[in-house]
Amino acid sequence: MLRTLYRVVAVGSVTLLGLLMALDGIFIALRINPFYTMLETWSNLALLPFFLIGAFFGIGVIVLWFGMMWDCVFTNKLRIWSKALWLLLMIPTSCIGALIYFFCEYRNRPSENPLTQDKRVPV
C-alpha cells in the first residue's frame, strides 16, 4: 500500500511538474497571464479541484521525502557510505532528492512483502 502511494506521488509529481513547465513556457511565449484572469473571473468552487490536486501532491511529496529517508537509513541493501551520500543529497534538496532516490534506488528494488514472494519450496 505504501509502495503504491510512493509510486503514485513520484510519477504524478514529475508528470505534473513537466506539465506545468510546458504550460508556463506556452504562456510566456504567448505573453499572457492566465492566473491573474483566472483568479479574477472564476469562482472559488471552480478552483477547488486545483487546490485538492495541489494539496494531495504537496502532502504526498512530503510523505515521500520522509519515506525515502527512512528507507535509506534502515535498508540493508546499501553500504554505509552510500547511505550517507544519499542522505546528504536528500536533506538539503528535499523533494527533488527524494524523487531521485525513488527512481534510482527504491523503484528497482523488489518488494519485501511476504505475501507477494514466491512460496515454492526449492527442490
PDB file of N, CA and C in Angstrom:
ATOM      1  N   MET A   1       0.819  -1.190   0.000  1.00  0.00           N
ATOM      2  CA  MET A   1       0.000   0.000   0.000  1.00  0.00           C
ATOM      3  C   MET A   1       0.866   1.259   0.000  1.00  0.00           C
ATOM      4  N   LEU A   2       1.852   1.297   0.893  1.00  0.00           N
ATOM      5  CA  LEU A   2       2.730   2.455   0.972  1.00  0.00           C
ATOM      6  C   LEU A   2       3.599   2.568  -0.275  1.00  0.00           C
ATOM      7  N   ARG A   3       4.009   1.436  -0.801  1.00  0.00           N
ATOM      8  CA  ARG A   3       4.812   1.420  -2.024  1.00  0.00           C
ATOM      9  C   ARG A   3       4.005   1.990  -3.195  1.00  0.00           C
ATOM     10  N   THR A   4       2.722   1.682  -3.253  1.00  0.00           N
ATOM     11  CA  THR A   4       1.858   2.218  -4.299  1.00  0.00           C
ATOM     12  C   THR A   4       1.689   3.727  -4.134  1.00  0.00           C
ATOM     13  N   LEU A   5       1.528   4.193  -2.902  1.00  0.00           N
ATOM     14  CA  LEU A   5       1.424   5.629  -2.653  1.00  0.00           C
ATOM     15  C   LEU A   5       2.689   6.343  -3.110  1.00  0.00           C
ATOM     16  N   TYR A   6       3.854   5.776  -2.783  1.00  0.00           N
ATOM     17  CA  TYR A   6       5.119   6.376  -3.224  1.00  0.00           C
ATOM     18  C   TYR A   6       5.165   6.454  -4.749  1.00  0.00           C
ATOM     19  N   ARG A   7       4.752   5.387  -5.402  1.00  0.00           N
ATOM     20  CA  ARG A   7       4.793   5.356  -6.870  1.00  0.00           C
ATOM     21  C   ARG A   7       3.855   6.399  -7.465  1.00  0.00           C
ATOM     22  N   VAL A   8       2.642   6.504  -6.949  1.00  0.00           N
ATOM     23  CA  VAL A   8       1.672   7.473  -7.465  1.00  0.00           C
ATOM     24  C   VAL A   8       2.181   8.898  -7.255  1.00  0.00           C
ATOM     25  N   VAL A   9       2.703   9.179  -6.079  1.00  0.00           N
ATOM     26  CA  VAL A   9       3.180  10.528  -5.791  1.00  0.00           C
ATOM     27  C   VAL A   9       4.403  10.865  -6.635  1.00  0.00           C
ATOM     28  N   ALA A  10       5.334   9.938  -6.762  1.00  0.00           N
ATOM     29  CA  ALA A  10       6.555  10.228  -7.527  1.00  0.00           C
ATOM     30  C   ALA A  10       6.251  10.446  -9.003  1.00  0.00           C
ATOM     31  N   VAL A  11       5.526   9.533  -9.605  1.00  0.00           N
ATOM     32  CA  VAL A  11       5.224   9.656 -11.033  1.00  0.00           C
ATOM     33  C   VAL A  11       4.278  10.835 -11.276  1.00  0.00           C
ATOM     34  N   GLY A  12       3.299  11.009 -10.423  1.00  0.00           N
ATOM     35  CA  GLY A  12       2.370  12.127 -10.573  1.00  0.00           C
ATOM     36  C   GLY A  12       3.039  13.472 -10.397  1.00  0.00           C
ATOM     37  N   SER A  13       3.962  13.579  -9.448  1.00  0.00           N
ATOM     38  CA  SER A  13       4.658  14.848  -9.230  1.00  0.00           C
ATOM     39  C   SER A  13       5.544  15.210 -10.407  1.00  0.00           C
ATOM     40  N   VAL A  14       6.264  14.233 -10.930  1.00  0.00           N
ATOM     41  CA  VAL A  14       7.119  14.506 -12.084  1.00  0.00           C
ATOM     42  C   VAL A  14       6.273  14.874 -13.305  1.00  0.00           C
ATOM     43  N   THR A  15       5.163  14.179 -13.497  1.00  0.00           N
ATOM     44  CA  THR A  15       4.263  14.487 -14.613  1.00  0.00           C
ATOM     45  C   THR A  15       3.646  15.869 -14.459  1.00  0.00           C
ATOM     46  N   LEU A  16       3.172  16.186 -13.261  1.00  0.00           N
ATOM     47  CA  LEU A  16       2.562  17.486 -13.011  1.00  0.00           C
ATOM     48  C   LEU A  16       3.575  18.609 -13.170  1.00  0.00           C
ATOM     49  N   LEU A  17       4.791  18.399 -12.692  1.00  0.00           N
ATOM     50  CA  LEU A  17       5.840  19.403 -12.839  1.00  0.00           C
ATOM     51  C   LEU A  17       6.166  19.643 -14.314  1.00  0.00           C
ATOM     52  N   GLY A  18       6.276  18.588 -15.092  1.00  0.00           N
ATOM     53  CA  GLY A  18       6.530  18.730 -16.529  1.00  0.00           C
ATOM     54  C   GLY A  18       5.399  19.440 -17.241  1.00  0.00           C
ATOM     55  N   LEU A  19       4.167  19.111 -16.890  1.00  0.00           N
ATOM     56  CA  LEU A  19       3.011  19.762 -17.498  1.00  0.00           C
ATOM     57  C   LEU A  19       2.973  21.247 -17.164  1.00  0.00           C
ATOM     58  N   LEU A  20       3.227  21.581 -15.911  1.00  0.00           N
ATOM     59  CA  LEU A  20       3.228  22.984 -15.520  1.00  0.00           C
ATOM     60  C   LEU A  20       4.341  23.773 -16.194  1.00  0.00           C
ATOM     61  N   MET A  21       5.515  23.150 -16.347  1.00  0.00           N
ATOM     62  CA  MET A  21       6.611  23.835 -17.042  1.00  0.00           C
ATOM     63  C   MET A  21       6.277  24.059 -18.508  1.00  0.00           C
ATOM     64  N   ALA A  22       5.640  23.089 -19.151  1.00  0.00           N
ATOM     65  CA  ALA A  22       5.253  23.241 -20.556  1.00  0.00           C
ATOM     66  C   ALA A  22       4.201  24.336 -20.706  1.00  0.00           C
ATOM     67  N   LEU A  23       3.198  24.349 -19.833  1.00  0.00           N
ATOM     68  CA  LEU A  23       2.176  25.392 -19.888  1.00  0.00           C
ATOM     69  C   LEU A  23       2.761  26.768 -19.619  1.00  0.00           C
ATOM     70  N   ASP A  24       3.687  26.845 -18.680  1.00  0.00           N
ATOM     71  CA  ASP A  24       4.329  28.113 -18.386  1.00  0.00           C
ATOM     72  C   ASP A  24       5.115  28.623 -19.592  1.00  0.00           C
ATOM     73  N   GLY A  25       5.806  27.715 -20.264  1.00  0.00           N
ATOM     74  CA  GLY A  25       6.537  28.105 -21.472  1.00  0.00           C
ATOM     75  C   GLY A  25       5.603  28.615 -22.558  1.00  0.00           C
ATOM     76  N   ILE A  26       4.459  27.969 -22.717  1.00  0.00           N
ATOM     77  CA  ILE A  26       3.474  28.415 -23.715  1.00  0.00           C
ATOM     78  C   ILE A  26       2.921  29.790 -23.342  1.00  0.00           C
ATOM     79  N   PHE A  27       2.596  29.990 -22.059  1.00  0.00           N
ATOM     80  CA  PHE A  27       2.051  31.281 -21.634  1.00  0.00           C
ATOM     81  C   PHE A  27       3.076  32.401 -21.772  1.00  0.00           C
ATOM     82  N   ILE A  28       4.343  32.103 -21.505  1.00  0.00           N
ATOM     83  CA  ILE A  28       5.385  33.113 -21.673  1.00  0.00           C
ATOM     84  C   ILE A  28       5.553  33.445 -23.149  1.00  0.00           C
ATOM     85  N   ALA A  29       5.530  32.418 -23.999  1.00  0.00           N
ATOM     86  CA  ALA A  29       5.685  32.660 -25.434  1.00  0.00           C
ATOM     87  C   ALA A  29       4.525  33.476 -26.003  1.00  0.00           C
ATOM     88  N   LEU A  30       3.319  33.244 -25.498  1.00  0.00           N
ATOM     89  CA  LEU A  30       2.150  33.983 -25.983  1.00  0.00           C
ATOM     90  C   LEU A  30       1.935  35.304 -25.255  1.00  0.00           C
ATOM     91  N   ARG A  31       2.744  35.564 -24.231  1.00  0.00           N
ATOM     92  CA  ARG A  31       2.688  36.800 -23.429  1.00  0.00           C
ATOM     93  C   ARG A  31       1.310  37.025 -22.803  1.00  0.00           C
ATOM     94  N   ILE A  32       0.800  35.970 -22.181  1.00  0.00           N
ATOM     95  CA  ILE A  32      -0.465  36.094 -21.459  1.00  0.00           C
ATOM     96  C   ILE A  32      -0.244  35.673 -20.018  1.00  0.00           C
ATOM     97  N   ASN A  33      -1.066  36.196 -19.139  1.00  0.00           N
ATOM     98  CA  ASN A  33      -1.007  35.863 -17.716  1.00  0.00           C
ATOM     99  C   ASN A  33      -2.342  35.231 -17.319  1.00  0.00           C
ATOM    100  N   PRO A  34      -2.462  33.899 -17.457  1.00  0.00           N
ATOM    101  CA  PRO A  34      -3.768  33.275 -17.206  1.00  0.00           C
ATOM    102  C   PRO A  34      -4.166  33.252 -15.740  1.00  0.00           C
ATOM    103  N   PHE A  35      -3.193  33.302 -14.834  1.00  0.00           N
ATOM    104  CA  PHE A  35      -3.527  33.154 -13.424  1.00  0.00           C
ATOM    105  C   PHE A  35      -4.223  34.402 -12.886  1.00  0.00           C
ATOM    106  N   TYR A  36      -3.828  35.568 -13.373  1.00  0.00           N
ATOM    107  CA  TYR A  36      -4.492  36.792 -12.936  1.00  0.00           C
ATOM    108  C   TYR A  36      -5.945  36.805 -13.393  1.00  0.00           C
ATOM    109  N   THR A  37      -6.171  36.473 -14.656  1.00  0.00           N
ATOM    110  CA  THR A  37      -7.549  36.472 -15.160  1.00  0.00           C
ATOM    111  C   THR A  37      -8.362  35.326 -14.552  1.00  0.00           C
ATOM    112  N   MET A  38      -7.709  34.196 -14.288  1.00  0.00           N
ATOM    113  CA  MET A  38      -8.422  33.065 -13.709  1.00  0.00           C
ATOM    114  C   MET A  38      -8.887  33.402 -12.292  1.00  0.00           C
ATOM    115  N   LEU A  39      -8.034  34.035 -11.492  1.00  0.00           N
ATOM    116  CA  LEU A  39      -8.423  34.377 -10.128  1.00  0.00           C
ATOM    117  C   LEU A  39      -9.473  35.479 -10.105  1.00  0.00           C
ATOM    118  N   GLU A  40      -9.470  36.339 -11.099  1.00  0.00           N
ATOM    119  CA  GLU A  40     -10.448  37.420 -11.157  1.00  0.00           C
ATOM    120  C   GLU A  40     -11.825  36.945 -11.609  1.00  0.00           C
ATOM    121  N   THR A  41     -11.867  35.993 -12.532  1.00  0.00           N
ATOM    122  CA  THR A  41     -13.141  35.634 -13.151  1.00  0.00           C
ATOM    123  C   THR A  41     -13.753  34.334 -12.625  1.00  0.00           C
ATOM    124  N   TRP A  42     -12.960  33.384 -12.166  1.00  0.00           N
ATOM    125  CA  TRP A  42     -13.507  32.100 -11.734  1.00  0.00           C
ATOM    126  C   TRP A  42     -13.997  32.200 -10.298  1.00  0.00           C
ATOM    127  N   SER A  43     -15.014  31.408  -9.976  1.00  0.00           N
ATOM    128  CA  SER A  43     -15.489  31.354  -8.599  1.00  0.00           C
ATOM    129  C   SER A  43     -14.573  30.438  -7.794  1.00  0.00           C
ATOM    130  N   ASN A  44     -14.678  30.524  -6.494  1.00  0.00           N
ATOM    131  CA  ASN A  44     -13.840  29.694  -5.624  1.00  0.00           C
ATOM    132  C   ASN A  44     -14.153  28.212  -5.774  1.00  0.00           C
ATOM    133  N   LEU A  45     -15.387  27.886  -6.070  1.00  0.00           N
ATOM    134  CA  LEU A  45     -15.763  26.487  -6.244  1.00  0.00           C
ATOM    135  C   LEU A  45     -15.104  25.882  -7.482  1.00  0.00           C
ATOM    136  N   ALA A  46     -14.893  26.677  -8.512  1.00  0.00           N
ATOM    137  CA  ALA A  46     -14.231  26.186  -9.716  1.00  0.00           C
ATOM    138  C   ALA A  46     -12.741  25.946  -9.477  1.00  0.00           C
ATOM    139  N   LEU A  47     -12.153  26.659  -8.513  1.00  0.00           N
ATOM    140  CA  LEU A  47     -10.730  26.488  -8.197  1.00  0.00           C
ATOM    141  C   LEU A  47     -10.475  25.327  -7.239  1.00  0.00           C
ATOM    142  N   LEU A  48     -11.534  24.780  -6.633  1.00  0.00           N
ATOM    143  CA  LEU A  48     -11.393  23.711  -5.645  1.00  0.00           C
ATOM    144  C   LEU A  48     -10.664  22.471  -6.176  1.00  0.00           C
ATOM    145  N   PRO A  49     -10.946  21.947  -7.373  1.00  0.00           N
ATOM    146  CA  PRO A  49     -10.200  20.774  -7.842  1.00  0.00           C
ATOM    147  C   PRO A  49      -8.697  21.025  -7.969  1.00  0.00           C
ATOM    148  N   PHE A  50      -8.318  22.235  -8.401  1.00  0.00           N
ATOM    149  CA  PHE A  50      -6.896  22.556  -8.499  1.00  0.00           C
ATOM    150  C   PHE A  50      -6.248  22.581  -7.121  1.00  0.00           C
ATOM    151  N   PHE A  51      -6.967  23.111  -6.153  1.00  0.00           N
ATOM    152  CA  PHE A  51      -6.465  23.134  -4.784  1.00  0.00           C
ATOM    153  C   PHE A  51      -6.309  21.718  -4.234  1.00  0.00           C
ATOM    154  N   LEU A  52      -7.285  20.862  -4.476  1.00  0.00           N
ATOM    155  CA  LEU A  52      -7.224  19.487  -3.956  1.00  0.00           C
ATOM    156  C   LEU A  52      -6.087  18.689  -4.589  1.00  0.00           C
ATOM    157  N   ILE A  53      -5.881  18.854  -5.898  1.00  0.00           N
ATOM    158  CA  ILE A  53      -4.771  18.165  -6.566  1.00  0.00           C
ATOM    159  C   ILE A  53      -3.437  18.661  -6.017  1.00  0.00           C
ATOM    160  N   GLY A  54      -3.324  19.969  -5.860  1.00  0.00           N
ATOM    161  CA  GLY A  54      -2.095  20.537  -5.304  1.00  0.00           C
ATOM    162  C   GLY A  54      -1.849  20.091  -3.872  1.00  0.00           C
ATOM    163  N   ALA A  55      -2.903  20.037  -3.072  1.00  0.00           N
ATOM    164  CA  ALA A  55      -2.759  19.605  -1.679  1.00  0.00           C
ATOM    165  C   ALA A  55      -2.344  18.138  -1.607  1.00  0.00           C
ATOM    166  N   PHE A  56      -2.945  17.282  -2.455  1.00  0.00           N
ATOM    167  CA  PHE A  56      -2.585  15.867  -2.454  1.00  0.00           C
ATOM    168  C   PHE A  56      -1.106  15.689  -2.778  1.00  0.00           C
ATOM    169  N   PHE A  57      -0.653  16.333  -3.853  1.00  0.00           N
ATOM    170  CA  PHE A  57       0.746  16.157  -4.232  1.00  0.00           C
ATOM    171  C   PHE A  57       1.683  16.886  -3.276  1.00  0.00           C
ATOM    172  N   GLY A  58       1.254  17.976  -2.683  1.00  0.00           N
ATOM    173  CA  GLY A  58       2.087  18.662  -1.697  1.00  0.00           C
ATOM    174  C   GLY A  58       2.327  17.808  -0.465  1.00  0.00           C
ATOM    175  N   ILE A  59       1.264  17.260   0.093  1.00  0.00           N
ATOM    176  CA  ILE A  59       1.390  16.386   1.262  1.00  0.00           C
ATOM    177  C   ILE A  59       2.075  15.080   0.872  1.00  0.00           C
ATOM    178  N   GLY A  60       1.733  14.574  -0.313  1.00  0.00           N
ATOM    179  CA  GLY A  60       2.335  13.320  -0.767  1.00  0.00           C
ATOM    180  C   GLY A  60       3.836  13.411  -0.968  1.00  0.00           C
ATOM    181  N   VAL A  61       4.315  14.538  -1.473  1.00  0.00           N
ATOM    182  CA  VAL A  61       5.759  14.692  -1.680  1.00  0.00           C
ATOM    183  C   VAL A  61       6.484  14.776  -0.346  1.00  0.00           C
ATOM    184  N   ILE A  62       5.866  15.386   0.657  1.00  0.00           N
ATOM    185  CA  ILE A  62       6.482  15.418   1.991  1.00  0.00           C
ATOM    186  C   ILE A  62       6.533  14.012   2.581  1.00  0.00           C
ATOM    187  N   VAL A  63       5.456  13.242   2.415  1.00  0.00           N
ATOM    188  CA  VAL A  63       5.454  11.849   2.880  1.00  0.00           C
ATOM    189  C   VAL A  63       6.506  11.044   2.112  1.00  0.00           C
ATOM    190  N   LEU A  64       6.621  11.281   0.814  1.00  0.00           N
ATOM    191  CA  LEU A  64       7.634  10.605   0.007  1.00  0.00           C
ATOM    192  C   LEU A  64       9.036  10.953   0.495  1.00  0.00           C
ATOM    193  N   TRP A  65       9.271  12.206   0.819  1.00  0.00           N
ATOM    194  CA  TRP A  65      10.586  12.631   1.294  1.00  0.00           C
ATOM    195  C   TRP A  65      10.969  11.909   2.590  1.00  0.00           C
ATOM    196  N   PHE A  66      10.069  11.915   3.566  1.00  0.00           N
ATOM    197  CA  PHE A  66      10.356  11.214   4.822  1.00  0.00           C
ATOM    198  C   PHE A  66      10.457   9.705   4.612  1.00  0.00           C
ATOM    199  N   GLY A  67       9.616   9.148   3.750  1.00  0.00           N
ATOM    200  CA  GLY A  67       9.662   7.711   3.485  1.00  0.00           C
ATOM    201  C   GLY A  67      10.957   7.281   2.809  1.00  0.00           C
ATOM    202  N   MET A  68      11.453   8.081   1.888  1.00  0.00           N
ATOM    203  CA  MET A  68      12.699   7.734   1.211  1.00  0.00           C
ATOM    204  C   MET A  68      13.901   7.889   2.152  1.00  0.00           C
ATOM    205  N   MET A  69      13.857   8.887   3.045  1.00  0.00           N
ATOM    206  CA  MET A  69      14.937   8.996   4.040  1.00  0.00           C
ATOM    207  C   MET A  69      14.884   7.810   5.002  1.00  0.00           C
ATOM    208  N   TRP A  70      13.695   7.418   5.407  1.00  0.00           N
ATOM    209  CA  TRP A  70      13.519   6.266   6.299  1.00  0.00           C
ATOM    210  C   TRP A  70      14.040   4.993   5.623  1.00  0.00           C
ATOM    211  N   ASP A  71      13.676   4.809   4.364  1.00  0.00           N
ATOM    212  CA  ASP A  71      14.130   3.633   3.622  1.00  0.00           C
ATOM    213  C   ASP A  71      15.642   3.637   3.467  1.00  0.00           C
ATOM    214  N   CYS A  72      16.212   4.787   3.205  1.00  0.00           N
ATOM    215  CA  CYS A  72      17.658   4.881   3.028  1.00  0.00           C
ATOM    216  C   CYS A  72      18.395   4.510   4.311  1.00  0.00           C
ATOM    217  N   VAL A  73      17.893   4.977   5.438  1.00  0.00           N
ATOM    218  CA  VAL A  73      18.565   4.718   6.715  1.00  0.00           C
ATOM    219  C   VAL A  73      18.422   3.258   7.130  1.00  0.00           C
ATOM    220  N   PHE A  74      17.258   2.662   6.944  1.00  0.00           N
ATOM    221  CA  PHE A  74      17.001   1.339   7.501  1.00  0.00           C
ATOM    222  C   PHE A  74      17.086   0.183   6.508  1.00  0.00           C
ATOM    223  N   THR A  75      17.489   0.437   5.274  1.00  0.00           N
ATOM    224  CA  THR A  75      17.639  -0.662   4.331  1.00  0.00           C
ATOM    225  C   THR A  75      19.000  -1.338   4.525  1.00  0.00           C
ATOM    226  N   ASN A  76      19.032  -2.633   4.285  1.00  0.00           N
ATOM    227  CA  ASN A  76      20.283  -3.378   4.378  1.00  0.00           C
ATOM    228  C   ASN A  76      20.945  -3.535   3.025  1.00  0.00           C
ATOM    229  N   LYS A  77      20.323  -3.004   1.989  1.00  0.00           N
ATOM    230  CA  LYS A  77      20.827  -3.187   0.633  1.00  0.00           C
ATOM    231  C   LYS A  77      21.937  -2.206   0.269  1.00  0.00           C
ATOM    232  N   LEU A  78      22.099  -1.117   1.040  1.00  0.00           N
ATOM    233  CA  LEU A  78      23.078  -0.089   0.729  1.00  0.00           C
ATOM    234  C   LEU A  78      24.226  -0.111   1.726  1.00  0.00           C
ATOM    235  N   ARG A  79      25.391   0.290   1.251  1.00  0.00           N
ATOM    236  CA  ARG A  79      26.537   0.426   2.154  1.00  0.00           C
ATOM    237  C   ARG A  79      26.393   1.719   2.947  1.00  0.00           C
ATOM    238  N   ILE A  80      27.191   1.832   4.014  1.00  0.00           N
ATOM    239  CA  ILE A  80      27.131   2.997   4.893  1.00  0.00           C
ATOM    240  C   ILE A  80      27.446   4.277   4.125  1.00  0.00           C
ATOM    241  N   TRP A  81      28.478   4.257   3.273  1.00  0.00           N
ATOM    242  CA  TRP A  81      28.850   5.459   2.532  1.00  0.00           C
ATOM    243  C   TRP A  81      27.769   5.832   1.517  1.00  0.00           C
ATOM    244  N   SER A  82      27.135   4.848   0.928  1.00  0.00           N
ATOM    245  CA  SER A  82      26.041   5.141   0.003  1.00  0.00           C
ATOM    246  C   SER A  82      24.872   5.785   0.743  1.00  0.00           C
ATOM    247  N   LYS A  83      24.570   5.264   1.937  1.00  0.00           N
ATOM    248  CA  LYS A  83      23.501   5.854   2.737  1.00  0.00           C
ATOM    249  C   LYS A  83      23.821   7.304   3.088  1.00  0.00           C
ATOM    250  N   ALA A  84      25.068   7.534   3.487  1.00  0.00           N
ATOM    251  CA  ALA A  84      25.469   8.898   3.862  1.00  0.00           C
ATOM    252  C   ALA A  84      25.363   9.847   2.671  1.00  0.00           C
ATOM    253  N   LEU A  85      25.802   9.398   1.508  1.00  0.00           N
ATOM    254  CA  LEU A  85      25.723  10.254   0.324  1.00  0.00           C
ATOM    255  C   LEU A  85      24.273  10.516  -0.093  1.00  0.00           C
ATOM    256  N   TRP A  86      23.435   9.479  -0.021  1.00  0.00           N
ATOM    257  CA  TRP A  86      22.027   9.690  -0.366  1.00  0.00           C
ATOM    258  C   TRP A  86      21.370  10.654   0.612  1.00  0.00           C
ATOM    259  N   LEU A  87      21.681  10.508   1.897  1.00  0.00           N
ATOM    260  CA  LEU A  87      21.100  11.429   2.883  1.00  0.00           C
ATOM    261  C   LEU A  87      21.610  12.848   2.685  1.00  0.00           C
ATOM    262  N   LEU A  88      22.893  12.984   2.329  1.00  0.00           N
ATOM    263  CA  LEU A  88      23.421  14.310   2.045  1.00  0.00           C
ATOM    264  C   LEU A  88      22.765  14.931   0.814  1.00  0.00           C
ATOM    265  N   LEU A  89      22.293  14.107  -0.084  1.00  0.00           N
ATOM    266  CA  LEU A  89      21.552  14.618  -1.234  1.00  0.00           C
ATOM    267  C   LEU A  89      20.113  14.951  -0.855  1.00  0.00           C
ATOM    268  N   MET A  90      19.477  14.075  -0.078  1.00  0.00           N
ATOM    269  CA  MET A  90      18.048  14.232   0.200  1.00  0.00           C
ATOM    270  C   MET A  90      17.738  15.339   1.202  1.00  0.00           C
ATOM    271  N   ILE A  91      18.588  15.549   2.187  1.00  0.00           N
ATOM    272  CA  ILE A  91      18.251  16.528   3.220  1.00  0.00           C
ATOM    273  C   ILE A  91      18.230  17.955   2.669  1.00  0.00           C
ATOM    274  N   PRO A  92      19.269  18.438   1.986  1.00  0.00           N
ATOM    275  CA  PRO A  92      19.184  19.826   1.511  1.00  0.00           C
ATOM    276  C   PRO A  92      18.283  20.015   0.281  1.00  0.00           C
ATOM    277  N   THR A  93      18.141  18.999  -0.557  1.00  0.00           N
ATOM    278  CA  THR A  93      17.332  19.173  -1.766  1.00  0.00           C
ATOM    279  C   THR A  93      15.897  18.704  -1.567  1.00  0.00           C
ATOM    280  N   SER A  94      15.576  18.203  -0.431  1.00  0.00           N
ATOM    281  CA  SER A  94      14.253  17.720  -0.002  1.00  0.00           C
ATOM    282  C   SER A  94      13.539  16.889  -1.067  1.00  0.00           C
ATOM    283  N   CYS A  95      12.517  17.404  -1.671  1.00  0.00           N
ATOM    284  CA  CYS A  95      11.649  16.603  -2.541  1.00  0.00           C
ATOM    285  C   CYS A  95      12.346  16.149  -3.816  1.00  0.00           C
ATOM    286  N   ILE A  96      13.204  16.982  -4.380  1.00  0.00           N
ATOM    287  CA  ILE A  96      13.916  16.595  -5.599  1.00  0.00           C
ATOM    288  C   ILE A  96      14.854  15.429  -5.302  1.00  0.00           C
ATOM    289  N   GLY A  97      15.563  15.492  -4.177  1.00  0.00           N
ATOM    290  CA  GLY A  97      16.439  14.390  -3.788  1.00  0.00           C
ATOM    291  C   GLY A  97      15.662  13.110  -3.517  1.00  0.00           C
ATOM    292  N   ALA A  98      14.475  13.238  -2.929  1.00  0.00           N
ATOM    293  CA  ALA A  98      13.634  12.060  -2.676  1.00  0.00           C
ATOM    294  C   ALA A  98      13.156  11.448  -3.982  1.00  0.00           C
ATOM    295  N   LEU A  99      12.805  12.279  -4.950  1.00  0.00           N
ATOM    296  CA  LEU A  99      12.393  11.749  -6.253  1.00  0.00           C
ATOM    297  C   LEU A  99      13.558  11.054  -6.953  1.00  0.00           C
ATOM    298  N   ILE A 100      14.752  11.616  -6.857  1.00  0.00           N
ATOM    299  CA  ILE A 100      15.927  10.980  -7.464  1.00  0.00           C
ATOM    300  C   ILE A 100      16.200   9.639  -6.801  1.00  0.00           C
ATOM    301  N   TYR A 101      16.132   9.593  -5.456  1.00  0.00           N
ATOM    302  CA  TYR A 101      16.338   8.337  -4.742  1.00  0.00           C
ATOM    303  C   TYR A 101      15.281   7.314  -5.129  1.00  0.00           C
ATOM    304  N   PHE A 102      14.019   7.757  -5.246  1.00  0.00           N
ATOM    305  CA  PHE A 102      12.947   6.836  -5.611  1.00  0.00           C
ATOM    306  C   PHE A 102      13.220   6.194  -6.959  1.00  0.00           C
ATOM    307  N   PHE A 103      13.562   7.000  -7.970  1.00  0.00           N
ATOM    308  CA  PHE A 103      13.748   6.461  -9.309  1.00  0.00           C
ATOM    309  C   PHE A 103      15.064   5.703  -9.463  1.00  0.00           C
ATOM    310  N   CYS A 104      16.090   6.018  -8.668  1.00  0.00           N
ATOM    311  CA  CYS A 104      17.381   5.330  -8.803  1.00  0.00           C
ATOM    312  C   CYS A 104      17.495   4.075  -7.940  1.00  0.00           C
ATOM    313  N   GLU A 105      17.010   4.112  -6.720  1.00  0.00           N
ATOM    314  CA  GLU A 105      17.210   3.007  -5.788  1.00  0.00           C
ATOM    315  C   GLU A 105      15.925   2.249  -5.444  1.00  0.00           C
ATOM    316  N   TYR A 106      14.923   2.954  -4.995  1.00  0.00           N
ATOM    317  CA  TYR A 106      13.740   2.321  -4.410  1.00  0.00           C
ATOM    318  C   TYR A 106      12.895   1.593  -5.444  1.00  0.00           C
ATOM    319  N   ARG A 107      12.703   2.179  -6.602  1.00  0.00           N
ATOM    320  CA  ARG A 107      11.819   1.590  -7.609  1.00  0.00           C
ATOM    321  C   ARG A 107      12.366   0.282  -8.158  1.00  0.00           C
ATOM    322  N   ASN A 108      13.682   0.150  -8.253  1.00  0.00           N
ATOM    323  CA  ASN A 108      14.293  -1.045  -8.836  1.00  0.00           C
ATOM    324  C   ASN A 108      14.386  -2.204  -7.857  1.00  0.00           C
ATOM    325  N   ARG A 109      14.143  -1.949  -6.594  1.00  0.00           N
ATOM    326  CA  ARG A 109      14.242  -2.989  -5.569  1.00  0.00           C
ATOM    327  C   ARG A 109      12.971  -3.830  -5.546  1.00  0.00           C
ATOM    328  N   PRO A 110      13.094  -5.161  -5.452  1.00  0.00           N
ATOM    329  CA  PRO A 110      11.877  -5.988  -5.369  1.00  0.00           C
ATOM    330  C   PRO A 110      11.152  -5.750  -4.044  1.00  0.00           C
ATOM    331  N   SER A 111       9.866  -5.979  -4.048  1.00  0.00           N
ATOM    332  CA  SER A 111       9.051  -5.786  -2.864  1.00  0.00           C
ATOM    333  C   SER A 111       9.435  -6.805  -1.795  1.00  0.00           C
ATOM    334  N   GLU A 112       9.462  -6.347  -0.551  1.00  0.00           N
ATOM    335  CA  GLU A 112       9.811  -7.225   0.567  1.00  0.00           C
ATOM    336  C   GLU A 112       8.572  -7.738   1.280  1.00  0.00           C
ATOM    337  N   ASN A 113       7.431  -7.619   0.655  1.00  0.00           N
ATOM    338  CA  ASN A 113       6.181  -8.071   1.232  1.00  0.00           C
ATOM    339  C   ASN A 113       6.129  -9.601   1.187  1.00  0.00           C
ATOM    340  N   PRO A 114       5.961 -10.273   2.328  1.00  0.00           N
ATOM    341  CA  PRO A 114       5.936 -11.739   2.325  1.00  0.00           C
ATOM    342  C   PRO A 114       4.741 -12.314   1.568  1.00  0.00           C
ATOM    343  N   LEU A 115       3.693 -11.536   1.363  1.00  0.00           N
ATOM    344  CA  LEU A 115       2.529 -12.043   0.638  1.00  0.00           C
ATOM    345  C   LEU A 115       2.784 -12.130  -0.861  1.00  0.00           C
ATOM    346  N   THR A 116       3.734 -11.345  -1.362  1.00  0.00           N
ATOM    347  CA  THR A 116       3.997 -11.338  -2.804  1.00  0.00           C
ATOM    348  C   THR A 116       5.187 -12.203  -3.180  1.00  0.00           C
ATOM    349  N   GLN A 117       5.866 -12.771  -2.218  1.00  0.00           N
ATOM    350  CA  GLN A 117       7.020 -13.598  -2.530  1.00  0.00           C
ATOM    351  C   GLN A 117       6.589 -14.993  -2.954  1.00  0.00           C
ATOM    352  N   ASP A 118       7.477 -15.661  -3.681  1.00  0.00           N
ATOM    353  CA  ASP A 118       7.202 -16.998  -4.176  1.00  0.00           C
ATOM    354  C   ASP A 118       7.225 -17.985  -3.023  1.00  0.00           C
ATOM    355  N   LYS A 119       6.206 -18.812  -2.902  1.00  0.00           N
ATOM    356  CA  LYS A 119       6.090 -19.734  -1.777  1.00  0.00           C
ATOM    357  C   LYS A 119       6.508 -21.157  -2.134  1.00  0.00           C
ATOM    358  N   ARG A 120       7.075 -21.363  -3.312  1.00  0.00           N
ATOM    359  CA  ARG A 120       7.510 -22.704  -3.693  1.00  0.00           C
ATOM    360  C   ARG A 120       8.744 -23.116  -2.896  1.00  0.00           C
ATOM    361  N   VAL A 121       8.792 -24.368  -2.565  1.00  0.00           N
ATOM    362  CA  VAL A 121       9.925 -24.919  -1.825  1.00  0.00           C
ATOM    363  C   VAL A 121      10.972 -25.377  -2.821  1.00  0.00           C
ATOM    364  N   PRO A 122      12.239 -24.951  -2.631  1.00  0.00           N
ATOM    365  CA  PRO A 122      13.263 -25.409  -3.589  1.00  0.00           C
ATOM    366  C   PRO A 122      13.497 -26.917  -3.486  1.00  0.00           C
ATOM    367  N   VAL A 123      13.764 -27.531  -4.607  1.00  0.00           N
ATOM    368  CA  VAL A 123      13.944 -28.978  -4.670  1.00  0.00           C
ATOM    369  C   VAL A 123      15.395 -29.346  -4.475  1.00  0.00           C
TER     370      VAL A 123
END
